Amino acid sequence: MKSNNHYQAFLLVTLFTLHCLTPPATAACSGTNSAVVSALLPLHTGNDCTALQLRGLQQLAALRAVINEVNNELKPQDGLTIGLQVQDTCSTPDGAMRAAMRSLVDV
């Protein structure tokens, strides 16, 4: 059941991202010539979600590096940029679902 909740959260964020990239984009999307990647990462763990999770921090660093590299490689005349929105799942299925909902509202 745990993986099902993660799958649902991933699917919600993916569908919203595709919606933003498909013309005409809504006002909730970041605007023309830009895209926002929403990442649901396990940055913290524990009952109160305060203990740092090394694996999640490593994933965040890798994701930031990749997005920076892609933005540096994009042609300036195209004006396309990729942004990053990170939501902490607190390493739980319920946290992942809450993070997915937050990412849909915060875009």
PDB file of N, CA and C in Angstrom:
ATOM      1  N   MET A   1       0.807  -1.191   0.000  1.00  0.00           N
ATOM      2  CA  MET A   1       0.000   0.000   0.000  1.00  0.00           C
ATOM      3  C   MET A   1       0.858   1.266   0.000  1.00  0.00           C
ATOM      4  N   LYS A   2       2.032   1.204   0.636  1.00  0.00           N
ATOM      5  CA  LYS A   2       2.906   2.376   0.674  1.00  0.00           C
ATOM      6  C   LYS A   2       3.257   2.845  -0.730  1.00  0.00           C
ATOM      7  N   SER A   3       3.690   1.934  -1.585  1.00  0.00           N
ATOM      8  CA  SER A   3       4.115   2.327  -2.922  1.00  0.00           C
ATOM      9  C   SER A   3       2.955   2.888  -3.724  1.00  0.00           C
ATOM     10  N   ASN A   4       1.730   2.466  -3.429  1.00  0.00           N
ATOM     11  CA  ASN A   4       0.569   2.987  -4.123  1.00  0.00           C
ATOM     12  C   ASN A   4       0.384   4.473  -3.822  1.00  0.00           C
ATOM     13  N   ASN A   5       0.579   4.893  -2.572  1.00  0.00           N
ATOM     14  CA  ASN A   5       0.468   6.308  -2.220  1.00  0.00           C
ATOM     15  C   ASN A   5       1.548   7.137  -2.899  1.00  0.00           C
ATOM     16  N   HIS A   6       2.762   6.612  -2.946  1.00  0.00           N
ATOM     17  CA  HIS A   6       3.847   7.323  -3.633  1.00  0.00           C
ATOM     18  C   HIS A   6       3.541   7.427  -5.122  1.00  0.00           C
ATOM     19  N   TYR A   7       2.995   6.370  -5.693  1.00  0.00           N
ATOM     20  CA  TYR A   7       2.645   6.377  -7.110  1.00  0.00           C
ATOM     21  C   TYR A   7       1.580   7.427  -7.391  1.00  0.00           C
ATOM     22  N   GLN A   8       0.567   7.508  -6.534  1.00  0.00           N
ATOM     23  CA  GLN A   8      -0.498   8.491  -6.722  1.00  0.00           C
ATOM     24  C   GLN A   8       0.047   9.910  -6.629  1.00  0.00           C
ATOM     25  N   ALA A   9       0.912  10.160  -5.670  1.00  0.00           N
ATOM     26  CA  ALA A   9       1.493  11.491  -5.517  1.00  0.00           C
ATOM     27  C   ALA A   9       2.339  11.851  -6.733  1.00  0.00           C
ATOM     28  N   PHE A  10       3.145  10.912  -7.197  1.00  0.00           N
ATOM     29  CA  PHE A  10       3.974  11.147  -8.382  1.00  0.00           C
ATOM     30  C   PHE A  10       3.097  11.430  -9.594  1.00  0.00           C
ATOM     31  N   LEU A  11       2.029  10.670  -9.743  1.00  0.00           N
ATOM     32  CA  LEU A  11       1.136  10.836 -10.877  1.00  0.00           C
ATOM     33  C   LEU A  11       0.477  12.210 -10.868  1.00  0.00           C
ATOM     34  N   LEU A  12       0.041  12.678  -9.712  1.00  0.00           N
ATOM     35  CA  LEU A  12      -0.580  13.998  -9.620  1.00  0.00           C
ATOM     36  C   LEU A  12       0.376  15.103 -10.053  1.00  0.00           C
ATOM     37  N   VAL A  13       1.598  15.043  -9.571  1.00  0.00           N
ATOM     38  CA  VAL A  13       2.580  16.075  -9.916  1.00  0.00           C
ATOM     39  C   VAL A  13       2.942  15.995 -11.393  1.00  0.00           C
ATOM     40  N   THR A  14       3.089  14.782 -11.912  1.00  0.00           N
ATOM     41  CA  THR A  14       3.422  14.610 -13.325  1.00  0.00           C
ATOM     42  C   THR A  14       2.321  15.159 -14.219  1.00  0.00           C
ATOM     43  N   LEU A  15       1.077  14.853 -13.903  1.00  0.00           N
ATOM     44  CA  LEU A  15      -0.037  15.343 -14.708  1.00  0.00           C
ATOM     45  C   LEU A  15      -0.101  16.862 -14.702  1.00  0.00           C
ATOM     46  N   PHE A  16       0.129  17.482 -13.547  1.00  0.00           N
ATOM     47  CA  PHE A  16       0.099  18.931 -13.484  1.00  0.00           C
ATOM     48  C   PHE A  16       1.251  19.529 -14.285  1.00  0.00           C
ATOM     49  N   THR A  17       2.422  18.920 -14.205  1.00  0.00           N
ATOM     50  CA  THR A  17       3.571  19.411 -14.963  1.00  0.00           C
ATOM     51  C   THR A  17       3.300  19.331 -16.454  1.00  0.00           C
ATOM     52  N   LEU A  18       2.737  18.210 -16.912  1.00  0.00           N
ATOM     53  CA  LEU A  18       2.397  18.068 -18.327  1.00  0.00           C
ATOM     54  C   LEU A  18       1.355  19.100 -18.734  1.00  0.00           C
ATOM     55  N   HIS A  19       0.406  19.363 -17.868  1.00  0.00           N
ATOM     56  CA  HIS A  19      -0.612  20.371 -18.149  1.00  0.00           C
ATOM     57  C   HIS A  19       0.037  21.741 -18.350  1.00  0.00           C
ATOM     58  N   CYS A  20       1.020  22.062 -17.544  1.00  0.00           N
ATOM     59  CA  CYS A  20       1.694  23.360 -17.651  1.00  0.00           C
ATOM     60  C   CYS A  20       2.522  23.470 -18.926  1.00  0.00           C
ATOM     61  N   LEU A  21       3.000  22.347 -19.428  1.00  0.00           N
ATOM     62  CA  LEU A  21       3.834  22.377 -20.625  1.00  0.00           C
ATOM     63  C   LEU A  21       3.016  22.288 -21.903  1.00  0.00           C
ATOM     64  N   THR A  22       1.716  22.017 -21.791  1.00  0.00           N
ATOM     65  CA  THR A  22       0.853  21.874 -22.953  1.00  0.00           C
ATOM     66  C   THR A  22       0.073  23.165 -23.157  1.00  0.00           C
ATOM     67  N   PRO A  23       0.223  23.800 -24.332  1.00  0.00           N
ATOM     68  CA  PRO A  23      -0.501  25.049 -24.563  1.00  0.00           C
ATOM     69  C   PRO A  23      -2.006  24.806 -24.619  1.00  0.00           C
ATOM     70  N   PRO A  24      -2.838  25.733 -24.228  1.00  0.00           N
ATOM     71  CA  PRO A  24      -2.459  26.943 -23.508  1.00  0.00           C
ATOM     72  C   PRO A  24      -2.281  26.657 -22.022  1.00  0.00           C
ATOM     73  N   ALA A  25      -1.221  27.140 -21.454  1.00  0.00           N
ATOM     74  CA  ALA A  25      -0.947  26.916 -20.032  1.00  0.00           C
ATOM     75  C   ALA A  25      -1.843  27.826 -19.198  1.00  0.00           C
ATOM     76  N   THR A  26      -2.195  27.378 -18.032  1.00  0.00           N
ATOM     77  CA  THR A  26      -3.052  28.174 -17.159  1.00  0.00           C
ATOM     78  C   THR A  26      -2.219  29.170 -16.366  1.00  0.00           C
ATOM     79  N   ALA A  27      -2.899  30.060 -15.683  1.00  0.00           N
ATOM     80  CA  ALA A  27      -2.198  31.063 -14.872  1.00  0.00           C
ATOM     81  C   ALA A  27      -1.438  30.428 -13.728  1.00  0.00           C
ATOM     82  N   ALA A  28      -1.826  29.211 -13.325  1.00  0.00           N
ATOM     83  CA  ALA A  28      -1.132  28.537 -12.223  1.00  0.00           C
ATOM     84  C   ALA A  28       0.251  28.070 -12.625  1.00  0.00           C
ATOM     85  N   CYS A  29       0.487  27.976 -13.904  1.00  0.00           N
ATOM     86  CA  CYS A  29       1.807  27.558 -14.380  1.00  0.00           C
ATOM     87  C   CYS A  29       2.747  28.755 -14.285  1.00  0.00           C
ATOM     88  N   SER A  30       4.024  28.494 -14.398  1.00  0.00           N
ATOM     89  CA  SER A  30       5.005  29.540 -14.120  1.00  0.00           C
ATOM     90  C   SER A  30       5.091  30.610 -15.194  1.00  0.00           C
ATOM     91  N   GLY A  31       4.518  30.410 -16.351  1.00  0.00           N
ATOM     92  CA  GLY A  31       4.556  31.417 -17.398  1.00  0.00           C
ATOM     93  C   GLY A  31       5.129  30.845 -18.676  1.00  0.00           C
ATOM     94  N   THR A  32       5.266  31.715 -19.668  1.00  0.00           N
ATOM     95  CA  THR A  32       5.764  31.263 -20.954  1.00  0.00           C
ATOM     96  C   THR A  32       7.255  31.000 -20.882  1.00  0.00           C
ATOM     97  N   ASN A  33       7.695  30.063 -21.689  1.00  0.00           N
ATOM     98  CA  ASN A  33       9.108  29.708 -21.817  1.00  0.00           C
ATOM     99  C   ASN A  33       9.755  29.274 -20.512  1.00  0.00           C
ATOM    100  N   SER A  34       8.980  28.779 -19.604  1.00  0.00           N
ATOM    101  CA  SER A  34       9.563  28.266 -18.373  1.00  0.00           C
ATOM    102  C   SER A  34       8.779  27.047 -17.916  1.00  0.00           C
ATOM    103  N   ALA A  35       9.466  26.200 -17.211  1.00  0.00           N
ATOM    104  CA  ALA A  35       8.845  25.000 -16.650  1.00  0.00           C
ATOM    105  C   ALA A  35       9.358  24.834 -15.227  1.00  0.00           C
ATOM    106  N   VAL A  36       8.535  24.255 -14.397  1.00  0.00           N
ATOM    107  CA  VAL A  36       8.919  24.008 -13.013  1.00  0.00           C
ATOM    108  C   VAL A  36       8.861  22.513 -12.766  1.00  0.00           C
ATOM    109  N   VAL A  37       9.966  21.964 -12.305  1.00  0.00           N
ATOM    110  CA  VAL A  37      10.014  20.563 -11.918  1.00  0.00           C
ATOM    111  C   VAL A  37       9.688  20.492 -10.435  1.00  0.00           C
ATOM    112  N   SER A  38       8.643  19.770 -10.110  1.00  0.00           N
ATOM    113  CA  SER A  38       8.273  19.577  -8.706  1.00  0.00           C
ATOM    114  C   SER A  38       8.882  18.278  -8.219  1.00  0.00           C
ATOM    115  N   ALA A  39       9.684  18.366  -7.178  1.00  0.00           N
ATOM    116  CA  ALA A  39      10.346  17.183  -6.633  1.00  0.00           C
ATOM    117  C   ALA A  39       9.817  16.899  -5.238  1.00  0.00           C
ATOM    118  N   LEU A  40       9.381  15.676  -5.031  1.00  0.00           N
ATOM    119  CA  LEU A  40       8.951  15.226  -3.711  1.00  0.00           C
ATOM    120  C   LEU A  40      10.083  14.395  -3.146  1.00  0.00           C
ATOM    121  N   LEU A  41      10.781  14.940  -2.156  1.00  0.00           N
ATOM    122  CA  LEU A  41      11.974  14.285  -1.633  1.00  0.00           C
ATOM    123  C   LEU A  41      11.869  14.038  -0.130  1.00  0.00           C
ATOM    124  N   PRO A  42      12.470  12.935   0.334  1.00  0.00           N
ATOM    125  CA  PRO A  42      12.489  12.636   1.772  1.00  0.00           C
ATOM    126  C   PRO A  42      13.633  13.378   2.465  1.00  0.00           C
ATOM    127  N   LEU A  43      13.439  14.673   2.721  1.00  0.00           N
ATOM    128  CA  LEU A  43      14.502  15.490   3.307  1.00  0.00           C
ATOM    129  C   LEU A  43      14.622  15.304   4.813  1.00  0.00           C
ATOM    130  N   HIS A  44      13.526  14.948   5.458  1.00  0.00           N
ATOM    131  CA  HIS A  44      13.504  14.727   6.906  1.00  0.00           C
ATOM    132  C   HIS A  44      12.819  13.405   7.211  1.00  0.00           C
ATOM    133  N   THR A  45      12.987  12.946   8.440  1.00  0.00           N
ATOM    134  CA  THR A  45      12.353  11.712   8.891  1.00  0.00           C
ATOM    135  C   THR A  45      12.034  11.852  10.374  1.00  0.00           C
ATOM    136  N   GLY A  46      11.415  10.853  10.931  1.00  0.00           N
ATOM    137  CA  GLY A  46      11.084  10.885  12.359  1.00  0.00           C
ATOM    138  C   GLY A  46       9.646  11.292  12.595  1.00  0.00           C
ATOM    139  N   ASN A  47       9.188  11.056  13.815  1.00  0.00           N
ATOM    140  CA  ASN A  47       7.798  11.363  14.166  1.00  0.00           C
ATOM    141  C   ASN A  47       7.446  12.831  13.986  1.00  0.00           C
ATOM    142  N   ASP A  48       8.398  13.717  14.265  1.00  0.00           N
ATOM    143  CA  ASP A  48       8.133  15.147  14.143  1.00  0.00           C
ATOM    144  C   ASP A  48       8.765  15.757  12.891  1.00  0.00           C
ATOM    145  N   CYS A  49       9.295  14.914  12.011  1.00  0.00           N
ATOM    146  CA  CYS A  49       9.863  15.347  10.726  1.00  0.00           C
ATOM    147  C   CYS A  49      10.971  16.388  10.918  1.00  0.00           C
ATOM    148  N   THR A  50      11.880  16.135  11.865  1.00  0.00           N
ATOM    149  CA  THR A  50      12.968  17.084  12.113  1.00  0.00           C
ATOM    150  C   THR A  50      14.352  16.492  11.880  1.00  0.00           C
ATOM    151  N   ALA A  51      14.473  15.173  11.872  1.00  0.00           N
ATOM    152  CA  ALA A  51      15.782  14.546  11.662  1.00  0.00           C
ATOM    153  C   ALA A  51      16.111  14.564  10.172  1.00  0.00           C
ATOM    154  N   LEU A  52      17.293  15.070   9.839  1.00  0.00           N
ATOM    155  CA  LEU A  52      17.696  15.134   8.436  1.00  0.00           C
ATOM    156  C   LEU A  52      17.893  13.742   7.859  1.00  0.00           C
ATOM    157  N   GLN A  53      17.523  13.610   6.604  1.00  0.00           N
ATOM    158  CA  GLN A  53      17.652  12.347   5.879  1.00  0.00           C
ATOM    159  C   GLN A  53      18.734  12.547   4.817  1.00  0.00           C
ATOM    160  N   LEU A  54      19.892  11.940   4.990  1.00  0.00           N
ATOM    161  CA  LEU A  54      21.025  12.137   4.087  1.00  0.00           C
ATOM    162  C   LEU A  54      20.678  11.790   2.643  1.00  0.00           C
ATOM    163  N   ARG A  55      19.970  10.703   2.444  1.00  0.00           N
ATOM    164  CA  ARG A  55      19.619  10.277   1.088  1.00  0.00           C
ATOM    165  C   ARG A  55      18.817  11.364   0.363  1.00  0.00           C
ATOM    166  N   GLY A  56      17.865  11.963   1.048  1.00  0.00           N
ATOM    167  CA  GLY A  56      17.061  13.019   0.442  1.00  0.00           C
ATOM    168  C   GLY A  56      17.883  14.251   0.113  1.00  0.00           C
ATOM    169  N   LEU A  57      18.821  14.600   0.994  1.00  0.00           N
ATOM    170  CA  LEU A  57      19.693  15.746   0.733  1.00  0.00           C
ATOM    171  C   LEU A  57      20.604  15.490  -0.461  1.00  0.00           C
ATOM    172  N   GLN A  58      21.067  14.249  -0.609  1.00  0.00           N
ATOM    173  CA  GLN A  58      21.884  13.886  -1.766  1.00  0.00           C
ATOM    174  C   GLN A  58      21.062  13.977  -3.049  1.00  0.00           C
ATOM    175  N   GLN A  59      19.824  13.520  -2.990  1.00  0.00           N
ATOM    176  CA  GLN A  59      18.948  13.602  -4.157  1.00  0.00           C
ATOM    177  C   GLN A  59      18.688  15.054  -4.534  1.00  0.00           C
ATOM    178  N   LEU A  60      18.492  15.905  -3.537  1.00  0.00           N
ATOM    179  CA  LEU A  60      18.271  17.325  -3.788  1.00  0.00           C
ATOM    180  C   LEU A  60      19.494  17.961  -4.445  1.00  0.00           C
ATOM    181  N   ALA A  61      20.676  17.664  -3.937  1.00  0.00           N
ATOM    182  CA  ALA A  61      21.904  18.216  -4.522  1.00  0.00           C
ATOM    183  C   ALA A  61      22.073  17.762  -5.967  1.00  0.00           C
ATOM    184  N   ALA A  62      21.800  16.499  -6.231  1.00  0.00           N
ATOM    185  CA  ALA A  62      21.925  15.975  -7.592  1.00  0.00           C
ATOM    186  C   ALA A  62      20.906  16.628  -8.522  1.00  0.00           C
ATOM    187  N   LEU A  63      19.688  16.774  -8.060  1.00  0.00           N
ATOM    188  CA  LEU A  63      18.641  17.383  -8.877  1.00  0.00           C
ATOM    189  C   LEU A  63      18.950  18.842  -9.182  1.00  0.00           C
ATOM    190  N   ARG A  64      19.429  19.569  -8.185  1.00  0.00           N
ATOM    191  CA  ARG A  64      19.814  20.971  -8.419  1.00  0.00           C
ATOM    192  C   ARG A  64      20.953  21.065  -9.435  1.00  0.00           C
ATOM    193  N   ALA A  65      21.925  20.181  -9.319  1.00  0.00           N
ATOM    194  CA  ALA A  65      23.053  20.196 -10.253  1.00  0.00           C
ATOM    195  C   ALA A  65      22.583  19.921 -11.678  1.00  0.00           C
ATOM    196  N   VAL A  66      21.686  18.960 -11.838  1.00  0.00           N
ATOM    197  CA  VAL A  66      21.183  18.623 -13.175  1.00  0.00           C
ATOM    198  C   VAL A  66      20.395  19.787 -13.761  1.00  0.00           C
ATOM    199  N   ILE A  67      19.530  20.384 -12.982  1.00  0.00           N
ATOM    200  CA  ILE A  67      18.727  21.500 -13.495  1.00  0.00           C
ATOM    201  C   ILE A  67      19.615  22.696 -13.823  1.00  0.00           C
ATOM    202  N   ASN A  68      20.605  22.982 -13.006  1.00  0.00           N
ATOM    203  CA  ASN A  68      21.548  24.059 -13.324  1.00  0.00           C
ATOM    204  C   ASN A  68      22.298  23.768 -14.611  1.00  0.00           C
ATOM    205  N   GLU A  69      22.719  22.529 -14.789  1.00  0.00           N
ATOM    206  CA  GLU A  69      23.434  22.145 -16.008  1.00  0.00           C
ATOM    207  C   GLU A  69      22.537  22.295 -17.234  1.00  0.00           C
ATOM    208  N   VAL A  70      21.308  21.842 -17.135  1.00  0.00           N
ATOM    209  CA  VAL A  70      20.375  21.970 -18.263  1.00  0.00           C
ATOM    210  C   VAL A  70      20.122  23.439 -18.570  1.00  0.00           C
ATOM    211  N   ASN A  71      19.898  24.253 -17.554  1.00  0.00           N
ATOM    212  CA  ASN A  71      19.677  25.683 -17.787  1.00  0.00           C
ATOM    213  C   ASN A  71      20.896  26.339 -18.421  1.00  0.00           C
ATOM    214  N   ASN A  72      22.097  25.925 -18.053  1.00  0.00           N
ATOM    215  CA  ASN A  72      23.315  26.475 -18.652  1.00  0.00           C
ATOM    216  C   ASN A  72      23.476  26.053 -20.100  1.00  0.00           C
ATOM    217  N   GLU A  73      22.954  24.877 -20.459  1.00  0.00           N
ATOM    218  CA  GLU A  73      23.079  24.368 -21.822  1.00  0.00           C
ATOM    219  C   GLU A  73      21.997  24.892 -22.764  1.00  0.00           C
ATOM    220  N   LEU A  74      20.908  25.396 -22.218  1.00  0.00           N
ATOM    221  CA  LEU A  74      19.834  25.907 -23.066  1.00  0.00           C
ATOM    222  C   LEU A  74      20.315  27.127 -23.827  1.00  0.00           C
ATOM    223  N   LYS A  75      19.810  27.270 -25.037  1.00  0.00           N
ATOM    224  CA  LYS A  75      20.199  28.412 -25.855  1.00  0.00           C
ATOM    225  C   LYS A  75      19.554  29.681 -25.301  1.00  0.00           C
ATOM    226  N   PRO A  76      20.364  30.714 -25.047  1.00  0.00           N
ATOM    227  CA  PRO A  76      19.816  31.949 -24.470  1.00  0.00           C
ATOM    228  C   PRO A  76      18.717  32.574 -25.329  1.00  0.00           C
ATOM    229  N   GLN A  77      18.825  32.452 -26.647  1.00  0.00           N
ATOM    230  CA  GLN A  77      17.821  33.065 -27.510  1.00  0.00           C
ATOM    231  C   GLN A  77      16.463  32.387 -27.392  1.00  0.00           C
ATOM    232  N   ASP A  78      16.439  31.144 -26.920  1.00  0.00           N
ATOM    233  CA  ASP A  78      15.160  30.459 -26.731  1.00  0.00           C
ATOM    234  C   ASP A  78      14.429  30.992 -25.510  1.00  0.00           C
ATOM    235  N   GLY A  79      15.166  31.483 -24.539  1.00  0.00           N
ATOM    236  CA  GLY A  79      14.567  32.042 -23.341  1.00  0.00           C
ATOM    237  C   GLY A  79      13.901  31.019 -22.438  1.00  0.00           C
ATOM    238  N   LEU A  80      14.189  29.759 -22.637  1.00  0.00           N
ATOM    239  CA  LEU A  80      13.582  28.706 -21.831  1.00  0.00           C
ATOM    240  C   LEU A  80      14.385  28.485 -20.557  1.00  0.00           C
ATOM    241  N   THR A  81      13.702  28.408 -19.448  1.00  0.00           N
ATOM    242  CA  THR A  81      14.353  28.109 -18.178  1.00  0.00           C
ATOM    243  C   THR A  81      13.561  27.035 -17.443  1.00  0.00           C
ATOM    244  N   ILE A  82      14.256  26.297 -16.628  1.00  0.00           N
ATOM    245  CA  ILE A  82      13.635  25.260 -15.816  1.00  0.00           C
ATOM    246  C   ILE A  82      13.874  25.615 -14.357  1.00  0.00           C
ATOM    247  N   GLY A  83      12.806  25.643 -13.604  1.00  0.00           N
ATOM    248  CA  GLY A  83      12.890  25.933 -12.180  1.00  0.00           C
ATOM    249  C   GLY A  83      12.707  24.663 -11.371  1.00  0.00           C
ATOM    250  N   LEU A  84      12.950  24.766 -10.091  1.00  0.00           N
ATOM    251  CA  LEU A  84      12.827  23.611  -9.203  1.00  0.00           C
ATOM    252  C   LEU A  84      11.994  23.994  -7.992  1.00  0.00           C
ATOM    253  N   GLN A  85      11.001  23.181  -7.719  1.00  0.00           N
ATOM    254  CA  GLN A  85      10.176  23.333  -6.528  1.00  0.00           C
ATOM    255  C   GLN A  85      10.327  22.046  -5.727  1.00  0.00           C
ATOM    256  N   VAL A  86      10.758  22.147  -4.492  1.00  0.00           N
ATOM    257  CA  VAL A  86      11.006  20.957  -3.668  1.00  0.00           C
ATOM    258  C   VAL A  86      10.011  20.915  -2.518  1.00  0.00           C
ATOM    259  N   GLN A  87       9.428  19.754  -2.327  1.00  0.00           N
ATOM    260  CA  GLN A  87       8.521  19.517  -1.208  1.00  0.00           C
ATOM    261  C   GLN A  87       9.065  18.343  -0.408  1.00  0.00           C
ATOM    262  N   ASP A  88       9.076  18.483   0.896  1.00  0.00           N
ATOM    263  CA  ASP A  88       9.568  17.442   1.798  1.00  0.00           C
ATOM    264  C   ASP A  88       8.448  16.448   2.090  1.00  0.00           C
ATOM    265  N   THR A  89       8.715  15.161   1.873  1.00  0.00           N
ATOM    266  CA  THR A  89       7.715  14.122   2.144  1.00  0.00           C
ATOM    267  C   THR A  89       7.776  13.616   3.575  1.00  0.00           C
ATOM    268  N   CYS A  90       8.771  14.036   4.325  1.00  0.00           N
ATOM    269  CA  CYS A  90       9.002  13.546   5.697  1.00  0.00           C
ATOM    270  C   CYS A  90       9.146  12.027   5.732  1.00  0.00           C
ATOM    271  N   SER A  91       9.500  11.439   4.618  1.00  0.00           N
ATOM    272  CA  SER A  91       9.775   9.996   4.504  1.00  0.00           C
ATOM    273  C   SER A  91       8.574   9.121   4.848  1.00  0.00           C
ATOM    274  N   THR A  92       7.364   9.630   4.603  1.00  0.00           N
ATOM    275  CA  THR A  92       6.164   8.834   4.861  1.00  0.00           C
ATOM    276  C   THR A  92       5.217   8.920   3.667  1.00  0.00           C
ATOM    277  N   PRO A  93       4.389   7.899   3.471  1.00  0.00           N
ATOM    278  CA  PRO A  93       3.396   7.957   2.388  1.00  0.00           C
ATOM    279  C   PRO A  93       2.410   9.121   2.558  1.00  0.00           C
ATOM    280  N   ASP A  94       1.956   9.353   3.788  1.00  0.00           N
ATOM    281  CA  ASP A  94       1.050  10.480   4.021  1.00  0.00           C
ATOM    282  C   ASP A  94       1.750  11.808   3.745  1.00  0.00           C
ATOM    283  N   GLY A  95       3.015  11.886   4.133  1.00  0.00           N
ATOM    284  CA  GLY A  95       3.793  13.089   3.855  1.00  0.00           C
ATOM    285  C   GLY A  95       3.962  13.311   2.364  1.00  0.00           C
ATOM    286  N   ALA A  96       4.116  12.232   1.615  1.00  0.00           N
ATOM    287  CA  ALA A  96       4.251  12.335   0.161  1.00  0.00           C
ATOM    288  C   ALA A  96       2.965  12.860  -0.462  1.00  0.00           C
ATOM    289  N   MET A  97       1.830  12.388   0.018  1.00  0.00           N
ATOM    290  CA  MET A  97       0.553  12.861  -0.510  1.00  0.00           C
ATOM    291  C   MET A  97       0.341  14.334  -0.172  1.00  0.00           C
ATOM    292  N   ARG A  98       0.667  14.734   1.052  1.00  0.00           N
ATOM    293  CA  ARG A  98       0.549  16.150   1.426  1.00  0.00           C
ATOM    294  C   ARG A  98       1.500  17.007   0.587  1.00  0.00           C
ATOM    295  N   ALA A  99       2.709  16.507   0.366  1.00  0.00           N
ATOM    296  CA  ALA A  99       3.686  17.250  -0.437  1.00  0.00           C
ATOM    297  C   ALA A  99       3.204  17.399  -1.872  1.00  0.00           C
ATOM    298  N   ALA A 100       2.587  16.359  -2.404  1.00  0.00           N
ATOM    299  CA  ALA A 100       2.056  16.428  -3.767  1.00  0.00           C
ATOM    300  C   ALA A 100       0.961  17.482  -3.864  1.00  0.00           C
ATOM    301  N   MET A 101       0.089  17.505  -2.894  1.00  0.00           N
ATOM    302  CA  MET A 101      -0.986  18.511  -2.890  1.00  0.00           C
ATOM    303  C   MET A 101      -0.410  19.920  -2.754  1.00  0.00           C
ATOM    304  N   ARG A 102       0.591  20.090  -1.883  1.00  0.00           N
ATOM    305  CA  ARG A 102       1.241  21.401  -1.729  1.00  0.00           C
ATOM    306  C   ARG A 102       1.897  21.837  -3.029  1.00  0.00           C
ATOM    307  N   SER A 103       2.528  20.902  -3.724  1.00  0.00           N
ATOM    308  CA  SER A 103       3.226  21.276  -4.953  1.00  0.00           C
ATOM    309  C   SER A 103       2.246  21.715  -6.028  1.00  0.00           C
ATOM    310  N   LEU A 104       1.050  21.154  -6.034  1.00  0.00           N
ATOM    311  CA  LEU A 104       0.045  21.572  -7.006  1.00  0.00           C
ATOM    312  C   LEU A 104      -0.483  22.969  -6.691  1.00  0.00           C
ATOM    313  N   VAL A 105      -0.559  23.314  -5.430  1.00  0.00           N
ATOM    314  CA  VAL A 105      -1.062  24.622  -5.022  1.00  0.00           C
ATOM    315  C   VAL A 105       0.018  25.690  -5.162  1.00  0.00           C
ATOM    316  N   ASP A 106       1.264  25.342  -4.871  1.00  0.00           N
ATOM    317  CA  ASP A 106       2.357  26.319  -4.822  1.00  0.00           C
ATOM    318  C   ASP A 106       2.935  26.694  -6.176  1.00  0.00           C
ATOM    319  N   VAL A 107       2.572  25.995  -7.234  1.00  0.00           N
ATOM    320  CA  VAL A 107       3.186  26.272  -8.541  1.00  0.00           C
ATOM    321  C   VAL A 107       2.764  27.615  -9.045  1.00  0.00           C
TER     322      VAL A 107
END
